[in-house]
Amino acid sequence: MRIRCAILDDYQQVALKIADWSTITEKVEIVSFSQHFYDENELVDYIRDAEIVIVMRERTPFGVSLFEKLPKLKLLITSGMRNTSIDLVAAAAHGVTVCGTASSSEPPTELTWALIMNLARNIMKENADLRSNGLWQSTVGSDLYGKRLGLLGLGKIGGRMATIAKAFGMDIIAWSQNLTKEQTDQLGVQLASSKEELLETSDYVSIHLVLSNRTRGLISEKDLQLMKSTAYLVNTSRAAIVDQQALIKALHENWIAGAGLDVFDIEPLPVDHPFRTMPNVLATPHLGYVTERNYTTYYREAIEDIQAYLDGRVIRSLI
């Protein structure tokens, strides 16, 4: 009898097409769900018989109560090697092995620049005007050349952001709690003396930090008030790094020029959420890591994780 594997949040219904599952189907029955389960009990109804579950990033949280309701679950696989929505302590307590996959930093970098360039040149509005009402040049874009890009975080993605910003002729400043001058000098970036200096002087502020107890709520209402009224905030990292209600207020009252957002406190974003309709918000549905190459890697390595499990081994463990 084959064991059951459930793939969650396969929004585009590509999981079974983008990788070769034939190597494990003799022993594993695979089912993919494209709909998101908001209700935990409804989710349990669909996956209670699954010994293996594959999740995409942090779309579906796995906490204590969910592990308690899934006694058959033995292997939980997440895309990437970090998933803050999985309670690893609870997983270990319930005998669940948690494994990950590789993930590339290029896709979120590329999407971040897509947001910045759209915001700077009003591309979405100009395209809509061109298509719907015949307007020709209804806005005046802002420049990237000569402007300051403030990077909150200078890791893999932040470093790539800095390299590309140089090609645009931008001035680059960076800050994070542990960032050193040696690190910024290696990339030819100015080290901000403080978070406040970065926010006060940047024309574009882009967040590239890992969500942790130290970074949760890092950008508060007070911090947003420090930004230039002509500045843009871009967040492709994690929504909780920014006080979401404060950001809504800042955008509604035009403390800043606008925001480019790919991450939200509730995902999928509720249909009545203000970010869906605010004219100074450019929002995308958490597309940062959603590329063909990344997805191919995720599911190919998920298959490898399953094969190892079937062989009595553990690879790419998160615990």
C-alpha atoms as a PDB file:
ATOM      1  CA  MET A   1       0.000   0.000   0.000  1.00  0.00           C
ATOM      2  CA  ARG A   2       1.394   3.382  -1.008  1.00  0.00           C
ATOM      3  CA  ILE A   3       1.879   6.153   1.521  1.00  0.00           C
ATOM      4  CA  ARG A   4       0.144   9.467   0.892  1.00  0.00           C
ATOM      5  CA  CYS A   5       1.874  12.771   0.094  1.00  0.00           C
ATOM      6  CA  ALA A   6      -0.039  16.074  -0.003  1.00  0.00           C
ATOM      7  CA  ILE A   7       1.276  19.160  -1.802  1.00  0.00           C
ATOM      8  CA  LEU A   8      -0.283  22.331  -0.407  1.00  0.00           C
ATOM      9  CA  ASP A   9      -0.912  25.735  -2.005  1.00  0.00           C
ATOM     10  CA  ASP A  10      -0.009  24.720  -5.541  1.00  0.00           C
ATOM     11  CA  TYR A  11      -1.702  27.896  -6.789  1.00  0.00           C
ATOM     12  CA  GLN A  12      -0.567  27.556 -10.403  1.00  0.00           C
ATOM     13  CA  GLN A  13      -1.116  23.773 -10.484  1.00  0.00           C
ATOM     14  CA  VAL A  14       2.432  23.175 -11.722  1.00  0.00           C
ATOM     15  CA  ALA A  15       3.906  21.002  -8.969  1.00  0.00           C
ATOM     16  CA  LEU A  16       3.200  17.696 -10.708  1.00  0.00           C
ATOM     17  CA  LYS A  17       4.377  18.968 -14.108  1.00  0.00           C
ATOM     18  CA  ILE A  18       7.576  20.819 -13.259  1.00  0.00           C
ATOM     19  CA  ALA A  19       9.446  17.843 -11.750  1.00  0.00           C
ATOM     20  CA  ASP A  20       9.673  14.092 -12.390  1.00  0.00           C
ATOM     21  CA  TRP A  21       7.707  12.351  -9.637  1.00  0.00           C
ATOM     22  CA  SER A  22       7.842   8.949 -11.346  1.00  0.00           C
ATOM     23  CA  THR A  23      10.853   7.926  -9.264  1.00  0.00           C
ATOM     24  CA  ILE A  24       8.705   7.699  -6.121  1.00  0.00           C
ATOM     25  CA  THR A  25       5.143   7.050  -7.326  1.00  0.00           C
ATOM     26  CA  GLU A  26       5.537   3.289  -6.914  1.00  0.00           C
ATOM     27  CA  LYS A  27       5.640   3.865  -3.170  1.00  0.00           C
ATOM     28  CA  VAL A  28       3.963   7.261  -2.815  1.00  0.00           C
ATOM     29  CA  GLU A  29       0.497   8.469  -3.803  1.00  0.00           C
ATOM     30  CA  ILE A  30       0.704  12.196  -4.506  1.00  0.00           C
ATOM     31  CA  VAL A  31      -2.150  14.681  -4.381  1.00  0.00           C
ATOM     32  CA  SER A  32      -1.834  18.399  -5.044  1.00  0.00           C
ATOM     33  CA  PHE A  33      -4.151  21.135  -3.754  1.00  0.00           C
ATOM     34  CA  SER A  34      -4.328  24.463  -5.575  1.00  0.00           C
ATOM     35  CA  GLN A  35      -6.777  26.083  -3.156  1.00  0.00           C
ATOM     36  CA  HIS A  36      -5.572  27.678   0.070  1.00  0.00           C
ATOM     37  CA  PHE A  37      -7.109  26.310   3.256  1.00  0.00           C
ATOM     38  CA  TYR A  38      -7.774  29.185   5.639  1.00  0.00           C
ATOM     39  CA  ASP A  39      -9.467  27.001   8.232  1.00  0.00           C
ATOM     40  CA  GLU A  40      -7.215  24.555  10.060  1.00  0.00           C
ATOM     41  CA  ASN A  41      -9.935  21.963  10.552  1.00  0.00           C
ATOM     42  CA  GLU A  42     -10.788  22.028   6.852  1.00  0.00           C
ATOM     43  CA  LEU A  43      -7.104  21.511   6.044  1.00  0.00           C
ATOM     44  CA  VAL A  44      -6.989  18.531   8.404  1.00  0.00           C
ATOM     45  CA  ASP A  45      -9.992  16.989   6.657  1.00  0.00           C
ATOM     46  CA  TYR A  46      -8.027  16.949   3.405  1.00  0.00           C
ATOM     47  CA  ILE A  47      -4.605  15.832   4.646  1.00  0.00           C
ATOM     48  CA  ARG A  48      -5.253  13.757   7.772  1.00  0.00           C
ATOM     49  CA  ASP A  49      -4.080  10.583   5.991  1.00  0.00           C
ATOM     50  CA  ALA A  50      -0.887  12.127   4.635  1.00  0.00           C
ATOM     51  CA  GLU A  51       2.417  10.792   5.922  1.00  0.00           C
ATOM     52  CA  ILE A  52       4.258  13.434   3.888  1.00  0.00           C
ATOM     53  CA  VAL A  53       3.254  17.070   3.349  1.00  0.00           C
ATOM     54  CA  ILE A  54       4.998  19.584   1.091  1.00  0.00           C
ATOM     55  CA  VAL A  55       4.437  23.274   1.785  1.00  0.00           C
ATOM     56  CA  MET A  56       5.393  26.295  -0.288  1.00  0.00           C
ATOM     57  CA  ARG A  57       7.242  28.863   1.777  1.00  0.00           C
ATOM     58  CA  GLU A  58       5.070  30.218   4.597  1.00  0.00           C
ATOM     59  CA  ARG A  59       1.685  29.962   2.913  1.00  0.00           C
ATOM     60  CA  THR A  60       0.320  27.453   5.447  1.00  0.00           C
ATOM     61  CA  PRO A  61       1.494  27.707   9.083  1.00  0.00           C
ATOM     62  CA  PHE A  62       2.241  24.489  10.954  1.00  0.00           C
ATOM     63  CA  GLY A  63       1.869  25.062  14.681  1.00  0.00           C
ATOM     64  CA  VAL A  64       1.283  22.917  17.739  1.00  0.00           C
ATOM     65  CA  SER A  65      -2.459  22.447  17.184  1.00  0.00           C
ATOM     66  CA  LEU A  66      -2.003  21.324  13.572  1.00  0.00           C
ATOM     67  CA  PHE A  67       0.687  18.798  14.441  1.00  0.00           C
ATOM     68  CA  GLU A  68      -1.602  17.423  17.154  1.00  0.00           C
ATOM     69  CA  LYS A  69      -4.346  16.855  14.585  1.00  0.00           C
ATOM     70  CA  LEU A  70      -2.063  15.043  12.121  1.00  0.00           C
ATOM     71  CA  PRO A  71      -0.771  11.943  13.941  1.00  0.00           C
ATOM     72  CA  LYS A  72       0.110  10.207  10.651  1.00  0.00           C
ATOM     73  CA  LEU A  73       2.398  13.015   9.509  1.00  0.00           C
ATOM     74  CA  LYS A  74       6.063  11.963   9.536  1.00  0.00           C
ATOM     75  CA  LEU A  75       7.789  14.180   6.957  1.00  0.00           C
ATOM     76  CA  LEU A  76       7.163  17.889   6.345  1.00  0.00           C
ATOM     77  CA  ILE A  77       9.030  19.511   3.450  1.00  0.00           C
ATOM     78  CA  THR A  78       9.246  23.260   2.848  1.00  0.00           C
ATOM     79  CA  SER A  79      10.650  25.158  -0.093  1.00  0.00           C
ATOM     80  CA  GLY A  80      13.808  26.932   1.035  1.00  0.00           C
ATOM     81  CA  MET A  81      15.850  26.206   4.132  1.00  0.00           C
ATOM     82  CA  ARG A  82      13.990  28.606   6.425  1.00  0.00           C
ATOM     83  CA  ASN A  83      10.287  28.718   7.279  1.00  0.00           C
ATOM     84  CA  THR A  84       9.238  30.751  10.305  1.00  0.00           C
ATOM     85  CA  SER A  85       5.648  29.495  10.064  1.00  0.00           C
ATOM     86  CA  ILE A  86       6.699  25.963  11.032  1.00  0.00           C
ATOM     87  CA  ASP A  87       7.025  25.323  14.772  1.00  0.00           C
ATOM     88  CA  LEU A  88      10.156  23.175  14.718  1.00  0.00           C
ATOM     89  CA  VAL A  89       9.927  22.410  18.430  1.00  0.00           C
ATOM     90  CA  ALA A  90       6.379  21.108  18.007  1.00  0.00           C
ATOM     91  CA  ALA A  91       7.439  19.132  14.942  1.00  0.00           C
ATOM     92  CA  ALA A  92      10.207  17.407  16.876  1.00  0.00           C
ATOM     93  CA  ALA A  93       7.872  16.732  19.805  1.00  0.00           C
ATOM     94  CA  HIS A  94       5.438  14.971  17.459  1.00  0.00           C
ATOM     95  CA  GLY A  95       8.136  12.965  15.703  1.00  0.00           C
ATOM     96  CA  VAL A  96       7.913  14.897  12.441  1.00  0.00           C
ATOM     97  CA  THR A  97      11.063  15.339  10.354  1.00  0.00           C
ATOM     98  CA  VAL A  98      11.247  18.766   8.668  1.00  0.00           C
ATOM     99  CA  CYS A  99      13.356  19.152   5.530  1.00  0.00           C
ATOM    100  CA  GLY A 100      13.963  21.977   3.076  1.00  0.00           C
ATOM    101  CA  THR A 101      15.286  22.687  -0.402  1.00  0.00           C
ATOM    102  CA  ALA A 102      17.646  25.131  -2.046  1.00  0.00           C
ATOM    103  CA  SER A 103      16.357  28.566  -3.033  1.00  0.00           C
ATOM    104  CA  SER A 104      17.872  31.222  -5.301  1.00  0.00           C
ATOM    105  CA  SER A 105      18.329  34.863  -4.345  1.00  0.00           C
ATOM    106  CA  GLU A 106      18.099  36.142  -7.922  1.00  0.00           C
ATOM    107  CA  PRO A 107      14.281  35.978  -8.340  1.00  0.00           C
ATOM    108  CA  PRO A 108      13.384  38.188  -5.343  1.00  0.00           C
ATOM    109  CA  THR A 109      16.113  40.627  -6.355  1.00  0.00           C
ATOM    110  CA  GLU A 110      14.661  40.897  -9.845  1.00  0.00           C
ATOM    111  CA  LEU A 111      11.128  41.404  -8.552  1.00  0.00           C
ATOM    112  CA  THR A 112      12.300  44.124  -6.169  1.00  0.00           C
ATOM    113  CA  TRP A 113      13.760  46.057  -9.073  1.00  0.00           C
ATOM    114  CA  ALA A 114      10.570  45.515 -11.069  1.00  0.00           C
ATOM    115  CA  LEU A 115       8.644  47.187  -8.231  1.00  0.00           C
ATOM    116  CA  ILE A 116      11.123  50.048  -7.894  1.00  0.00           C
ATOM    117  CA  MET A 117      11.132  50.771 -11.617  1.00  0.00           C
ATOM    118  CA  ASN A 118       7.346  50.566 -11.829  1.00  0.00           C
ATOM    119  CA  LEU A 119       7.015  53.003  -8.941  1.00  0.00           C
ATOM    120  CA  ALA A 120       9.609  55.395 -10.355  1.00  0.00           C
ATOM    121  CA  ARG A 121       8.104  55.552 -13.848  1.00  0.00           C
ATOM    122  CA  ASN A 122       4.405  54.973 -13.071  1.00  0.00           C
ATOM    123  CA  ILE A 123       4.382  52.087 -15.541  1.00  0.00           C
ATOM    124  CA  MET A 124       1.182  50.459 -14.288  1.00  0.00           C
ATOM    125  CA  LYS A 125      -0.792  53.710 -14.491  1.00  0.00           C
ATOM    126  CA  GLU A 126       0.629  54.681 -17.881  1.00  0.00           C
ATOM    127  CA  ASN A 127      -0.155  51.223 -19.268  1.00  0.00           C
ATOM    128  CA  ALA A 128      -3.711  51.346 -17.886  1.00  0.00           C
ATOM    129  CA  ASP A 129      -4.260  54.829 -19.342  1.00  0.00           C
ATOM    130  CA  LEU A 130      -2.912  53.741 -22.702  1.00  0.00           C
ATOM    131  CA  ARG A 131      -5.272  50.779 -22.805  1.00  0.00           C
ATOM    132  CA  SER A 132      -8.449  52.244 -21.333  1.00  0.00           C
ATOM    133  CA  ASN A 133      -8.869  55.954 -21.925  1.00  0.00           C
ATOM    134  CA  GLY A 134      -6.372  56.888 -24.606  1.00  0.00           C
ATOM    135  CA  LEU A 135      -4.295  59.177 -22.391  1.00  0.00           C
ATOM    136  CA  TRP A 136      -0.773  59.713 -23.673  1.00  0.00           C
ATOM    137  CA  GLN A 137       1.817  60.580 -21.015  1.00  0.00           C
ATOM    138  CA  SER A 138      -0.242  61.439 -17.948  1.00  0.00           C
ATOM    139  CA  THR A 139       2.622  61.416 -15.407  1.00  0.00           C
ATOM    140  CA  VAL A 140       6.205  62.577 -14.956  1.00  0.00           C
ATOM    141  CA  GLY A 141       8.424  59.797 -13.638  1.00  0.00           C
ATOM    142  CA  SER A 142      11.131  60.101 -11.033  1.00  0.00           C
ATOM    143  CA  ASP A 143      14.765  59.259 -11.698  1.00  0.00           C
ATOM    144  CA  LEU A 144      16.885  56.459 -10.325  1.00  0.00           C
ATOM    145  CA  TYR A 145      20.179  57.989 -11.474  1.00  0.00           C
ATOM    146  CA  GLY A 146      21.615  60.149  -8.730  1.00  0.00           C
ATOM    147  CA  LYS A 147      19.001  59.086  -6.162  1.00  0.00           C
ATOM    148  CA  ARG A 148      19.758  57.293  -2.911  1.00  0.00           C
ATOM    149  CA  LEU A 149      18.794  53.672  -2.363  1.00  0.00           C
ATOM    150  CA  GLY A 150      18.589  52.706   1.300  1.00  0.00           C
ATOM    151  CA  LEU A 151      19.031  48.990   1.908  1.00  0.00           C
ATOM    152  CA  LEU A 152      17.798  47.564   5.178  1.00  0.00           C
ATOM    153  CA  GLY A 153      19.879  44.409   5.111  1.00  0.00           C
ATOM    154  CA  LEU A 154      22.947  43.651   3.010  1.00  0.00           C
ATOM    155  CA  GLY A 155      22.935  39.852   2.777  1.00  0.00           C
ATOM    156  CA  LYS A 156      22.663  37.864  -0.454  1.00  0.00           C
ATOM    157  CA  ILE A 157      19.692  39.787  -1.810  1.00  0.00           C
ATOM    158  CA  GLY A 158      20.755  43.142  -0.379  1.00  0.00           C
ATOM    159  CA  GLY A 159      24.194  42.680  -1.894  1.00  0.00           C
ATOM    160  CA  ARG A 160      22.708  41.958  -5.310  1.00  0.00           C
ATOM    161  CA  MET A 161      20.497  45.016  -4.941  1.00  0.00           C
ATOM    162  CA  ALA A 162      23.574  47.172  -4.320  1.00  0.00           C
ATOM    163  CA  THR A 163      25.381  45.844  -7.384  1.00  0.00           C
ATOM    164  CA  ILE A 164      22.427  46.603  -9.645  1.00  0.00           C
ATOM    165  CA  ALA A 165      21.859  50.029  -8.066  1.00  0.00           C
ATOM    166  CA  LYS A 166      25.415  50.978  -9.049  1.00  0.00           C
ATOM    167  CA  ALA A 167      24.580  50.224 -12.672  1.00  0.00           C
ATOM    168  CA  PHE A 168      21.754  52.756 -12.419  1.00  0.00           C
ATOM    169  CA  GLY A 169      24.135  55.348 -10.995  1.00  0.00           C
ATOM    170  CA  MET A 170      22.461  55.440  -7.606  1.00  0.00           C
ATOM    171  CA  ASP A 171      23.982  56.400  -4.277  1.00  0.00           C
ATOM    172  CA  ILE A 172      23.670  53.436  -1.898  1.00  0.00           C
ATOM    173  CA  ILE A 173      23.455  53.379   1.869  1.00  0.00           C
ATOM    174  CA  ALA A 174      22.829  50.322   4.026  1.00  0.00           C
ATOM    175  CA  TRP A 175      21.986  49.466   7.623  1.00  0.00           C
ATOM    176  CA  SER A 176      21.143  46.491   9.773  1.00  0.00           C
ATOM    177  CA  GLN A 177      21.748  45.757  13.416  1.00  0.00           C
ATOM    178  CA  ASN A 178      24.927  43.747  12.820  1.00  0.00           C
ATOM    179  CA  LEU A 179      26.189  45.330   9.616  1.00  0.00           C
ATOM    180  CA  THR A 180      29.849  46.392   9.692  1.00  0.00           C
ATOM    181  CA  LYS A 181      31.864  48.924   7.707  1.00  0.00           C
ATOM    182  CA  GLU A 182      34.050  46.098   6.454  1.00  0.00           C
ATOM    183  CA  GLN A 183      30.987  44.484   4.859  1.00  0.00           C
ATOM    184  CA  THR A 184      29.746  47.702   3.252  1.00  0.00           C
ATOM    185  CA  ASP A 185      33.234  48.637   2.028  1.00  0.00           C
ATOM    186  CA  GLN A 186      33.461  45.318   0.181  1.00  0.00           C
ATOM    187  CA  LEU A 187      30.439  46.349  -1.880  1.00  0.00           C
ATOM    188  CA  GLY A 188      31.316  50.027  -2.124  1.00  0.00           C
ATOM    189  CA  VAL A 189      28.282  50.978  -0.074  1.00  0.00           C
ATOM    190  CA  GLN A 190      28.000  53.624   2.631  1.00  0.00           C
ATOM    191  CA  LEU A 191      27.265  52.325   6.112  1.00  0.00           C
ATOM    192  CA  ALA A 192      24.472  54.352   7.711  1.00  0.00           C
ATOM    193  CA  SER A 193      25.225  55.521  11.218  1.00  0.00           C
ATOM    194  CA  SER A 194      21.704  54.507  12.195  1.00  0.00           C
ATOM    195  CA  LYS A 195      18.410  53.241  10.875  1.00  0.00           C
ATOM    196  CA  GLU A 196      17.118  56.786  11.257  1.00  0.00           C
ATOM    197  CA  GLU A 197      19.822  58.229   8.976  1.00  0.00           C
ATOM    198  CA  LEU A 198      18.960  55.705   6.279  1.00  0.00           C
ATOM    199  CA  LEU A 199      15.243  56.486   6.459  1.00  0.00           C
ATOM    200  CA  GLU A 200      15.718  60.257   6.536  1.00  0.00           C
ATOM    201  CA  THR A 201      18.079  60.439   3.552  1.00  0.00           C
ATOM    202  CA  SER A 202      16.917  57.697   1.158  1.00  0.00           C
ATOM    203  CA  ASP A 203      14.717  58.183  -1.886  1.00  0.00           C
ATOM    204  CA  TYR A 204      13.960  54.463  -2.103  1.00  0.00           C
ATOM    205  CA  VAL A 205      14.033  52.210   0.975  1.00  0.00           C
ATOM    206  CA  SER A 206      14.160  48.490   0.259  1.00  0.00           C
ATOM    207  CA  ILE A 207      13.882  45.831   2.974  1.00  0.00           C
ATOM    208  CA  HIS A 208      16.006  42.678   2.796  1.00  0.00           C
ATOM    209  CA  LEU A 209      16.031  41.300   6.333  1.00  0.00           C
ATOM    210  CA  VAL A 210      15.110  37.954   7.846  1.00  0.00           C
ATOM    211  CA  LEU A 211      12.054  38.101  10.098  1.00  0.00           C
ATOM    212  CA  SER A 212      13.089  37.538  13.717  1.00  0.00           C
ATOM    213  CA  ASN A 213      12.259  38.831  17.169  1.00  0.00           C
ATOM    214  CA  ARG A 214      14.672  41.703  16.537  1.00  0.00           C
ATOM    215  CA  THR A 215      13.293  42.698  13.143  1.00  0.00           C
ATOM    216  CA  ARG A 216       9.570  42.215  13.814  1.00  0.00           C
ATOM    217  CA  GLY A 217       8.038  45.700  13.853  1.00  0.00           C
ATOM    218  CA  LEU A 218      11.418  47.240  13.025  1.00  0.00           C
ATOM    219  CA  ILE A 219       9.769  49.974  10.946  1.00  0.00           C
ATOM    220  CA  SER A 220       7.268  51.760  13.170  1.00  0.00           C
ATOM    221  CA  GLU A 221       4.974  54.720  12.689  1.00  0.00           C
ATOM    222  CA  LYS A 222       7.717  56.974  14.042  1.00  0.00           C
ATOM    223  CA  ASP A 223      10.172  55.539  11.525  1.00  0.00           C
ATOM    224  CA  LEU A 224       7.791  56.084   8.606  1.00  0.00           C
ATOM    225  CA  GLN A 225       7.415  59.705   9.642  1.00  0.00           C
ATOM    226  CA  LEU A 226      11.176  60.136   9.209  1.00  0.00           C
ATOM    227  CA  MET A 227      11.051  59.300   5.514  1.00  0.00           C
ATOM    228  CA  LYS A 228      10.927  61.932   2.785  1.00  0.00           C
ATOM    229  CA  SER A 229       7.477  62.736   1.439  1.00  0.00           C
ATOM    230  CA  THR A 230       8.888  61.906  -2.008  1.00  0.00           C
ATOM    231  CA  ALA A 231      10.351  58.546  -0.922  1.00  0.00           C
ATOM    232  CA  TYR A 232       9.129  55.025  -1.669  1.00  0.00           C
ATOM    233  CA  LEU A 233       9.184  51.988   0.626  1.00  0.00           C
ATOM    234  CA  VAL A 234       9.649  48.576  -0.979  1.00  0.00           C
ATOM    235  CA  ASN A 235       9.145  45.341   0.959  1.00  0.00           C
ATOM    236  CA  THR A 236       9.752  41.963  -0.655  1.00  0.00           C
ATOM    237  CA  SER A 237      11.021  40.399   2.578  1.00  0.00           C
ATOM    238  CA  ARG A 238       8.371  39.882   5.286  1.00  0.00           C
ATOM    239  CA  ALA A 239       5.345  42.047   6.065  1.00  0.00           C
ATOM    240  CA  ALA A 240       5.798  41.880   9.837  1.00  0.00           C
ATOM    241  CA  ILE A 241       9.060  43.833   9.642  1.00  0.00           C
ATOM    242  CA  VAL A 242       6.872  46.895   9.045  1.00  0.00           C
ATOM    243  CA  ASP A 243       3.988  47.976  11.286  1.00  0.00           C
ATOM    244  CA  GLN A 244       1.200  47.348   8.784  1.00  0.00           C
ATOM    245  CA  GLN A 245      -1.371  49.704  10.294  1.00  0.00           C
ATOM    246  CA  ALA A 246       1.227  52.446  10.490  1.00  0.00           C
ATOM    247  CA  LEU A 247       2.097  51.870   6.824  1.00  0.00           C
ATOM    248  CA  ILE A 248      -1.554  52.142   5.808  1.00  0.00           C
ATOM    249  CA  LYS A 249      -1.774  55.419   7.726  1.00  0.00           C
ATOM    250  CA  ALA A 250       1.453  56.718   6.163  1.00  0.00           C
ATOM    251  CA  LEU A 251       0.190  55.948   2.664  1.00  0.00           C
ATOM    252  CA  HIS A 252      -3.308  57.266   3.301  1.00  0.00           C
ATOM    253  CA  GLU A 253      -1.955  60.545   4.695  1.00  0.00           C
ATOM    254  CA  ASN A 254       0.823  60.773   2.085  1.00  0.00           C
ATOM    255  CA  TRP A 255       3.731  60.802   4.503  1.00  0.00           C
ATOM    256  CA  ILE A 256       5.608  58.976   1.723  1.00  0.00           C
ATOM    257  CA  ALA A 257       5.097  58.905  -2.034  1.00  0.00           C
ATOM    258  CA  GLY A 258       4.173  55.252  -2.197  1.00  0.00           C
ATOM    259  CA  ALA A 259       5.050  51.631  -1.530  1.00  0.00           C
ATOM    260  CA  GLY A 260       5.874  48.521  -3.513  1.00  0.00           C
ATOM    261  CA  LEU A 261       4.712  45.458  -1.602  1.00  0.00           C
ATOM    262  CA  ASP A 262       5.050  41.745  -2.301  1.00  0.00           C
ATOM    263  CA  VAL A 263       4.434  40.488   1.253  1.00  0.00           C
ATOM    264  CA  PHE A 264       1.444  40.912   3.548  1.00  0.00           C
ATOM    265  CA  ASP A 265       0.409  40.062   7.095  1.00  0.00           C
ATOM    266  CA  ILE A 266      -2.424  37.902   5.744  1.00  0.00           C
ATOM    267  CA  GLU A 267      -1.907  35.891   2.564  1.00  0.00           C
ATOM    268  CA  PRO A 268      -3.690  35.624   0.246  1.00  0.00           C
ATOM    269  CA  LEU A 269      -4.554  39.275   0.819  1.00  0.00           C
ATOM    270  CA  PRO A 270      -8.262  39.725   1.752  1.00  0.00           C
ATOM    271  CA  VAL A 271     -10.353  41.145  -1.084  1.00  0.00           C
ATOM    272  CA  ASP A 272     -11.338  44.187   0.993  1.00  0.00           C
ATOM    273  CA  HIS A 273      -7.816  45.034   2.161  1.00  0.00           C
ATOM    274  CA  PRO A 274      -6.850  48.688   1.521  1.00  0.00           C
ATOM    275  CA  PHE A 275      -3.578  47.686  -0.156  1.00  0.00           C
ATOM    276  CA  ARG A 276      -5.647  46.341  -3.056  1.00  0.00           C
ATOM    277  CA  THR A 277      -7.078  49.748  -3.917  1.00  0.00           C
ATOM    278  CA  MET A 278      -4.766  52.481  -2.571  1.00  0.00           C
ATOM    279  CA  PRO A 279      -3.533  54.520  -5.551  1.00  0.00           C
ATOM    280  CA  ASN A 280      -0.003  54.894  -4.158  1.00  0.00           C
ATOM    281  CA  VAL A 281       0.510  51.161  -3.581  1.00  0.00           C
ATOM    282  CA  LEU A 282       1.951  48.768  -6.147  1.00  0.00           C
ATOM    283  CA  ALA A 283       1.124  45.299  -4.822  1.00  0.00           C
ATOM    284  CA  THR A 284       2.051  41.864  -6.144  1.00  0.00           C
ATOM    285  CA  PRO A 285       0.816  38.528  -4.688  1.00  0.00           C
ATOM    286  CA  HIS A 286       4.079  37.365  -3.064  1.00  0.00           C
ATOM    287  CA  LEU A 287       5.811  36.623  -6.357  1.00  0.00           C
ATOM    288  CA  GLY A 288       9.373  37.166  -5.142  1.00  0.00           C
ATOM    289  CA  TYR A 289      10.427  33.530  -5.339  1.00  0.00           C
ATOM    290  CA  VAL A 290       7.874  32.393  -7.959  1.00  0.00           C
ATOM    291  CA  THR A 291       9.944  31.586 -11.015  1.00  0.00           C
ATOM    292  CA  GLU A 292      10.315  28.486 -13.150  1.00  0.00           C
ATOM    293  CA  ARG A 293      13.899  27.852 -12.036  1.00  0.00           C
ATOM    294  CA  ASN A 294      13.076  28.184  -8.354  1.00  0.00           C
ATOM    295  CA  TYR A 295       9.990  25.987  -8.615  1.00  0.00           C
ATOM    296  CA  THR A 296      11.920  23.336 -10.526  1.00  0.00           C
ATOM    297  CA  THR A 297      14.525  23.323  -7.757  1.00  0.00           C
ATOM    298  CA  TYR A 298      11.915  23.210  -4.991  1.00  0.00           C
ATOM    299  CA  TYR A 299      10.016  20.218  -6.276  1.00  0.00           C
ATOM    300  CA  ARG A 300      13.034  18.324  -7.602  1.00  0.00           C
ATOM    301  CA  GLU A 301      14.702  18.561  -4.206  1.00  0.00           C
ATOM    302  CA  ALA A 302      11.420  17.753  -2.426  1.00  0.00           C
ATOM    303  CA  ILE A 303      11.437  14.486  -4.373  1.00  0.00           C
ATOM    304  CA  GLU A 304      15.016  13.907  -3.225  1.00  0.00           C
ATOM    305  CA  ASP A 305      13.952  14.554   0.382  1.00  0.00           C
ATOM    306  CA  ILE A 306      11.148  11.999   0.007  1.00  0.00           C
ATOM    307  CA  GLN A 307      13.440   9.409  -1.583  1.00  0.00           C
ATOM    308  CA  ALA A 308      15.874   9.803   1.291  1.00  0.00           C
ATOM    309  CA  TYR A 309      13.006   9.360   3.759  1.00  0.00           C
ATOM    310  CA  LEU A 310      11.912   6.182   1.987  1.00  0.00           C
ATOM    311  CA  ASP A 311      15.514   4.936   2.264  1.00  0.00           C
ATOM    312  CA  GLY A 312      15.578   5.656   5.989  1.00  0.00           C
ATOM    313  CA  ARG A 313      17.766   8.748   5.649  1.00  0.00           C
ATOM    314  CA  VAL A 314      17.310  12.456   6.334  1.00  0.00           C
ATOM    315  CA  ILE A 315      18.762  15.174   4.099  1.00  0.00           C
ATOM    316  CA  ARG A 316      18.493  18.966   4.321  1.00  0.00           C
ATOM    317  CA  SER A 317      17.015  18.793   7.817  1.00  0.00           C
ATOM    318  CA  LEU A 318      15.734  22.009   9.412  1.00  0.00           C
ATOM    319  CA  ILE A 319      15.706  20.558  12.915  1.00  0.00           C
END
